[in-house]
């Protein structure tokens, strides 16, 4: 990404959002922590979390 904050430059583009979605799907797993620790994406990840925000997942209270 060079000196860009995101693949899209100063703001995320669809490639940023797609990669973020895949990584977010495994958040809080061993794989997630391995990726953060053994690649250079940690700064990008936290910029994406700040830009995109927390998950908007709706939990059905009827489901266990």
PDB file of N, CA and C in Angstrom:
ATOM      1  N   UNK A   1       0.816  -1.186   0.000  1.00  0.00           N
ATOM      2  CA  UNK A   1       0.000   0.000   0.000  1.00  0.00           C
ATOM      3  C   UNK A   1       0.865   1.257   0.000  1.00  0.00           C
ATOM      4  N   UNK A   2       2.153   1.072   0.201  1.00  0.00           N
ATOM      5  CA  UNK A   2       3.021   2.237   0.215  1.00  0.00           C
ATOM      6  C   UNK A   2       2.685   3.156   1.382  1.00  0.00           C
ATOM      7  N   UNK A   3       2.533   4.411   1.092  1.00  0.00           N
ATOM      8  CA  UNK A   3       2.233   5.396   2.137  1.00  0.00           C
ATOM      9  C   UNK A   3       0.737   5.664   2.271  1.00  0.00           C
ATOM     10  N   UNK A   4      -0.060   4.923   1.527  1.00  0.00           N
ATOM     11  CA  UNK A   4      -1.521   5.104   1.598  1.00  0.00           C
ATOM     12  C   UNK A   4      -2.061   4.475   2.874  1.00  0.00           C
ATOM     13  N   UNK A   5      -3.127   5.048   3.395  1.00  0.00           N
ATOM     14  CA  UNK A   5      -3.786   4.472   4.572  1.00  0.00           C
ATOM     15  C   UNK A   5      -4.591   3.231   4.210  1.00  0.00           C
ATOM     16  N   UNK A   6      -5.136   3.220   3.003  1.00  0.00           N
ATOM     17  CA  UNK A   6      -5.996   2.131   2.543  1.00  0.00           C
ATOM     18  C   UNK A   6      -5.616   1.786   1.110  1.00  0.00           C
ATOM     19  N   UNK A   7      -6.056   0.641   0.632  1.00  0.00           N
ATOM     20  CA  UNK A   7      -5.835   0.308  -0.769  1.00  0.00           C
ATOM     21  C   UNK A   7      -6.464   1.369  -1.659  1.00  0.00           C
ATOM     22  N   UNK A   8      -7.561   1.943  -1.186  1.00  0.00           N
ATOM     23  CA  UNK A   8      -8.249   2.993  -1.930  1.00  0.00           C
ATOM     24  C   UNK A   8      -7.626   4.365  -1.794  1.00  0.00           C
ATOM     25  N   UNK A   9      -6.551   4.485  -1.056  1.00  0.00           N
ATOM     26  CA  UNK A   9      -5.906   5.792  -0.873  1.00  0.00           C
ATOM     27  C   UNK A   9      -6.206   6.345   0.506  1.00  0.00           C
ATOM     28  N   UNK A  10      -6.849   7.501   0.550  1.00  0.00           N
ATOM     29  CA  UNK A  10      -7.155   8.133   1.832  1.00  0.00           C
ATOM     30  C   UNK A  10      -8.442   7.593   2.453  1.00  0.00           C
ATOM     31  N   UNK A  11      -9.203   6.835   1.675  1.00  0.00           N
ATOM     32  CA  UNK A  11     -10.448   6.225   2.169  1.00  0.00           C
ATOM     33  C   UNK A  11     -10.521   4.791   1.644  1.00  0.00           C
ATOM     34  N   UNK A  12     -11.195   3.912   2.380  1.00  0.00           N
ATOM     35  CA  UNK A  12     -11.305   2.526   1.919  1.00  0.00           C
ATOM     36  C   UNK A  12     -12.059   2.416   0.597  1.00  0.00           C
ATOM     37  N   UNK A  13     -11.642   1.469  -0.229  1.00  0.00           N
ATOM     38  CA  UNK A  13     -12.396   1.155  -1.438  1.00  0.00           C
ATOM     39  C   UNK A  13     -13.000  -0.244  -1.279  1.00  0.00           C
ATOM     40  N   UNK A  14     -13.582  -0.773  -2.335  1.00  0.00           N
ATOM     41  CA  UNK A  14     -14.228  -2.089  -2.235  1.00  0.00           C
ATOM     42  C   UNK A  14     -13.241  -3.198  -1.895  1.00  0.00           C
ATOM     43  N   UNK A  15     -11.997  -3.095  -2.351  1.00  0.00           N
ATOM     44  CA  UNK A  15     -10.995  -4.107  -2.012  1.00  0.00           C
ATOM     45  C   UNK A  15     -10.707  -4.091  -0.511  1.00  0.00           C
ATOM     46  N   UNK A  16     -10.581  -2.884   0.074  1.00  0.00           N
ATOM     47  CA  UNK A  16     -10.403  -2.776   1.523  1.00  0.00           C
ATOM     48  C   UNK A  16     -11.578  -3.406   2.257  1.00  0.00           C
ATOM     49  N   UNK A  17     -12.785  -3.070   1.829  1.00  0.00           N
ATOM     50  CA  UNK A  17     -13.978  -3.574   2.511  1.00  0.00           C
ATOM     51  C   UNK A  17     -14.113  -5.083   2.375  1.00  0.00           C
ATOM     52  N   UNK A  18     -13.765  -5.628   1.207  1.00  0.00           N
ATOM     53  CA  UNK A  18     -13.850  -7.073   1.012  1.00  0.00           C
ATOM     54  C   UNK A  18     -12.855  -7.794   1.920  1.00  0.00           C
ATOM     55  N   UNK A  19     -11.609  -7.326   1.928  1.00  0.00           N
ATOM     56  CA  UNK A  19     -10.592  -7.958   2.778  1.00  0.00           C
ATOM     57  C   UNK A  19     -10.964  -7.821   4.252  1.00  0.00           C
ATOM     58  N   UNK A  20     -11.444  -6.656   4.630  1.00  0.00           N
ATOM     59  CA  UNK A  20     -11.847  -6.415   6.013  1.00  0.00           C
ATOM     60  C   UNK A  20     -12.967  -7.372   6.425  1.00  0.00           C
ATOM     61  N   UNK A  21     -13.935  -7.568   5.548  1.00  0.00           N
ATOM     62  CA  UNK A  21     -15.042  -8.472   5.852  1.00  0.00           C
ATOM     63  C   UNK A  21     -14.587  -9.908   6.064  1.00  0.00           C
ATOM     64  N   UNK A  22     -13.657 -10.357   5.235  1.00  0.00           N
ATOM     65  CA  UNK A  22     -13.139 -11.725   5.379  1.00  0.00           C
ATOM     66  C   UNK A  22     -12.392 -11.868   6.701  1.00  0.00           C
ATOM     67  N   UNK A  23     -11.562 -10.891   7.008  1.00  0.00           N
ATOM     68  CA  UNK A  23     -10.790 -10.970   8.250  1.00  0.00           C
ATOM     69  C   UNK A  23     -11.694 -10.807   9.463  1.00  0.00           C
ATOM     70  N   UNK A  24     -12.680  -9.938   9.362  1.00  0.00           N
ATOM     71  CA  UNK A  24     -13.613  -9.751  10.480  1.00  0.00           C
ATOM     72  C   UNK A  24     -14.384 -11.047  10.755  1.00  0.00           C
ATOM     73  N   UNK A  25     -14.621 -11.850   9.728  1.00  0.00           N
ATOM     74  CA  UNK A  25     -15.360 -13.103   9.905  1.00  0.00           C
ATOM     75  C   UNK A  25     -14.620 -14.083  10.805  1.00  0.00           C
ATOM     76  N   UNK A  26     -13.301 -13.944  10.895  1.00  0.00           N
ATOM     77  CA  UNK A  26     -12.520 -14.839  11.752  1.00  0.00           C
ATOM     78  C   UNK A  26     -11.977 -14.115  12.992  1.00  0.00           C
ATOM     79  N   UNK A  27     -12.524 -12.930  13.240  1.00  0.00           N
ATOM     80  CA  UNK A  27     -12.068 -12.141  14.391  1.00  0.00           C
ATOM     81  C   UNK A  27     -12.197 -12.953  15.679  1.00  0.00           C
ATOM     82  N   UNK A  28     -11.224 -12.772  16.556  1.00  0.00           N
ATOM     83  CA  UNK A  28     -11.167 -13.454  17.855  1.00  0.00           C
ATOM     84  C   UNK A  28     -10.921 -14.954  17.751  1.00  0.00           C
ATOM     85  N   UNK A  29     -10.310 -15.373  16.643  1.00  0.00           N
ATOM     86  CA  UNK A  29      -9.881 -16.764  16.501  1.00  0.00           C
ATOM     87  C   UNK A  29      -8.355 -16.781  16.463  1.00  0.00           C
ATOM     88  N   UNK A  30      -7.771 -17.964  16.591  1.00  0.00           N
ATOM     89  CA  UNK A  30      -6.323 -18.085  16.493  1.00  0.00           C
ATOM     90  C   UNK A  30      -5.818 -17.557  15.146  1.00  0.00           C
ATOM     91  N   UNK A  31      -6.573 -17.824  14.087  1.00  0.00           N
ATOM     92  CA  UNK A  31      -6.188 -17.358  12.757  1.00  0.00           C
ATOM     93  C   UNK A  31      -6.111 -15.841  12.713  1.00  0.00           C
ATOM     94  N   UNK A  32      -7.091 -15.185  13.278  1.00  0.00           N
ATOM     95  CA  UNK A  32      -7.108 -13.719  13.321  1.00  0.00           C
ATOM     96  C   UNK A  32      -5.861 -13.182  14.019  1.00  0.00           C
ATOM     97  N   UNK A  33      -5.565 -13.726  15.192  1.00  0.00           N
ATOM     98  CA  UNK A  33      -4.403 -13.242  15.938  1.00  0.00           C
ATOM     99  C   UNK A  33      -3.095 -13.552  15.220  1.00  0.00           C
ATOM    100  N   UNK A  34      -3.021 -14.694  14.535  1.00  0.00           N
ATOM    101  CA  UNK A  34      -1.838 -15.022  13.741  1.00  0.00           C
ATOM    102  C   UNK A  34      -1.642 -14.002  12.616  1.00  0.00           C
ATOM    103  N   UNK A  35      -2.721 -13.661  11.933  1.00  0.00           N
ATOM    104  CA  UNK A  35      -2.633 -12.690  10.841  1.00  0.00           C
ATOM    105  C   UNK A  35      -2.154 -11.336  11.371  1.00  0.00           C
ATOM    106  N   UNK A  36      -2.712 -10.879  12.479  1.00  0.00           N
ATOM    107  CA  UNK A  36      -2.296  -9.587  13.027  1.00  0.00           C
ATOM    108  C   UNK A  36      -0.835  -9.594  13.456  1.00  0.00           C
ATOM    109  N   UNK A  37      -0.392 -10.693  14.026  1.00  0.00           N
ATOM    110  CA  UNK A  37       0.964 -10.746  14.564  1.00  0.00           C
ATOM    111  C   UNK A  37       2.029 -11.068  13.523  1.00  0.00           C
ATOM    112  N   UNK A  38       1.667 -11.801  12.470  1.00  0.00           N
ATOM    113  CA  UNK A  38       2.676 -12.292  11.534  1.00  0.00           C
ATOM    114  C   UNK A  38       2.593 -11.662  10.148  1.00  0.00           C
ATOM    115  N   UNK A  39       1.823 -10.601  10.018  1.00  0.00           N
ATOM    116  CA  UNK A  39       1.783  -9.835   8.767  1.00  0.00           C
ATOM    117  C   UNK A  39       1.904  -8.358   9.135  1.00  0.00           C
ATOM    118  N   UNK A  40       1.860  -7.521   8.148  1.00  0.00           N
ATOM    119  CA  UNK A  40       1.975  -6.075   8.367  1.00  0.00           C
ATOM    120  C   UNK A  40       0.623  -5.367   8.321  1.00  0.00           C
ATOM    121  N   UNK A  41      -0.477  -6.095   8.507  1.00  0.00           N
ATOM    122  CA  UNK A  41      -1.788  -5.459   8.338  1.00  0.00           C
ATOM    123  C   UNK A  41      -2.337  -4.796   9.599  1.00  0.00           C
ATOM    124  N   UNK A  42      -1.681  -4.961  10.736  1.00  0.00           N
ATOM    125  CA  UNK A  42      -2.247  -4.448  11.992  1.00  0.00           C
ATOM    126  C   UNK A  42      -2.618  -2.962  11.907  1.00  0.00           C
ATOM    127  N   UNK A  43      -1.747  -2.062  11.412  1.00  0.00           N
ATOM    128  CA  UNK A  43      -2.150  -0.645  11.334  1.00  0.00           C
ATOM    129  C   UNK A  43      -3.364  -0.439  10.425  1.00  0.00           C
ATOM    130  N   UNK A  44      -3.376  -1.140   9.271  1.00  0.00           N
ATOM    131  CA  UNK A  44      -4.515  -1.052   8.368  1.00  0.00           C
ATOM    132  C   UNK A  44      -5.779  -1.539   9.058  1.00  0.00           C
ATOM    133  N   UNK A  45      -5.695  -2.667   9.776  1.00  0.00           N
ATOM    134  CA  UNK A  45      -6.843  -3.242  10.460  1.00  0.00           C
ATOM    135  C   UNK A  45      -7.478  -2.224  11.408  1.00  0.00           C
ATOM    136  N   UNK A  46      -6.652  -1.583  12.223  1.00  0.00           N
ATOM    137  CA  UNK A  46      -7.197  -0.637  13.194  1.00  0.00           C
ATOM    138  C   UNK A  46      -7.725   0.636  12.525  1.00  0.00           C
ATOM    139  N   UNK A  47      -7.141   1.042  11.390  1.00  0.00           N
ATOM    140  CA  UNK A  47      -7.721   2.160  10.632  1.00  0.00           C
ATOM    141  C   UNK A  47      -9.083   1.761  10.077  1.00  0.00           C
ATOM    142  N   UNK A  48      -9.183   0.515   9.602  1.00  0.00           N
ATOM    143  CA  UNK A  48     -10.477   0.044   9.083  1.00  0.00           C
ATOM    144  C   UNK A  48     -11.524  -0.027  10.186  1.00  0.00           C
ATOM    145  N   UNK A  49     -11.176  -0.559  11.354  1.00  0.00           N
ATOM    146  CA  UNK A  49     -12.123  -0.633  12.470  1.00  0.00           C
ATOM    147  C   UNK A  49     -12.605   0.764  12.821  1.00  0.00           C
ATOM    148  N   UNK A  50     -11.689   1.722  12.852  1.00  0.00           N
ATOM    149  CA  UNK A  50     -12.061   3.097  13.186  1.00  0.00           C
ATOM    150  C   UNK A  50     -12.969   3.701  12.120  1.00  0.00           C
ATOM    151  N   UNK A  51     -12.683   3.408  10.861  1.00  0.00           N
ATOM    152  CA  UNK A  51     -13.452   3.979   9.755  1.00  0.00           C
ATOM    153  C   UNK A  51     -14.807   3.298   9.579  1.00  0.00           C
ATOM    154  N   UNK A  52     -14.807   1.973   9.597  1.00  0.00           N
ATOM    155  CA  UNK A  52     -16.034   1.206   9.347  1.00  0.00           C
ATOM    156  C   UNK A  52     -16.905   1.143  10.593  1.00  0.00           C
ATOM    157  N   UNK A  53     -16.291   1.043  11.742  1.00  0.00           N
ATOM    158  CA  UNK A  53     -17.034   0.925  12.989  1.00  0.00           C
ATOM    159  C   UNK A  53     -17.189  -0.523  13.409  1.00  0.00           C
ATOM    160  N   UNK A  54     -17.800  -0.682  14.526  1.00  0.00           N
ATOM    161  CA  UNK A  54     -18.023  -2.022  15.064  1.00  0.00           C
ATOM    162  C   UNK A  54     -19.052  -2.763  14.222  1.00  0.00           C
ATOM    163  N   UNK A  55     -19.095  -4.054  14.395  1.00  0.00           N
ATOM    164  CA  UNK A  55     -20.048  -4.887  13.675  1.00  0.00           C
ATOM    165  C   UNK A  55     -21.477  -4.473  14.015  1.00  0.00           C
ATOM    166  N   UNK A  56     -22.325  -4.495  13.022  1.00  0.00           N
ATOM    167  CA  UNK A  56     -23.735  -4.168  13.217  1.00  0.00           C
ATOM    168  C   UNK A  56     -24.576  -5.433  13.287  1.00  0.00           C
ATOM    169  N   UNK A  57     -23.937  -6.547  13.586  1.00  0.00           N
ATOM    170  CA  UNK A  57     -24.636  -7.829  13.650  1.00  0.00           C
ATOM    171  C   UNK A  57     -25.765  -7.758  14.656  1.00  0.00           C
ATOM    172  N   UNK A  58     -26.906  -8.268  14.247  1.00  0.00           N
ATOM    173  CA  UNK A  58     -28.071  -8.318  15.120  1.00  0.00           C
ATOM    174  C   UNK A  58     -28.184  -9.739  15.652  1.00  0.00           C
ATOM    175  N   UNK A  59     -28.280  -9.865  16.956  1.00  0.00           N
ATOM    176  CA  UNK A  59     -28.379 -11.173  17.586  1.00  0.00           C
ATOM    177  C   UNK A  59     -29.841 -11.433  17.927  1.00  0.00           C
ATOM    178  N   UNK A  60     -30.320 -12.572  17.478  1.00  0.00           N
ATOM    179  CA  UNK A  60     -31.688 -12.975  17.773  1.00  0.00           C
ATOM    180  C   UNK A  60     -31.731 -13.510  19.203  1.00  0.00           C
ATOM    181  N   UNK A  61     -32.441 -12.849  20.105  1.00  0.00           N
ATOM    182  CA  UNK A  61     -32.460 -13.299  21.505  1.00  0.00           C
ATOM    183  C   UNK A  61     -33.089 -14.687  21.670  1.00  0.00           C
ATOM    184  N   UNK A  62     -33.852 -15.147  20.680  1.00  0.00           N
ATOM    185  CA  UNK A  62     -34.477 -16.463  20.763  1.00  0.00           C
ATOM    186  C   UNK A  62     -33.486 -17.580  20.445  1.00  0.00           C
ATOM    187  N   UNK A  63     -32.362 -17.239  19.817  1.00  0.00           N
ATOM    188  CA  UNK A  63     -31.364 -18.235  19.467  1.00  0.00           C
ATOM    189  C   UNK A  63     -30.402 -18.425  20.635  1.00  0.00           C
ATOM    190  N   UNK A  64     -30.014 -19.662  20.894  1.00  0.00           N
ATOM    191  CA  UNK A  64     -29.073 -19.921  21.998  1.00  0.00           C
ATOM    192  C   UNK A  64     -27.677 -19.385  21.717  1.00  0.00           C
TER     193      UNK A  64
END
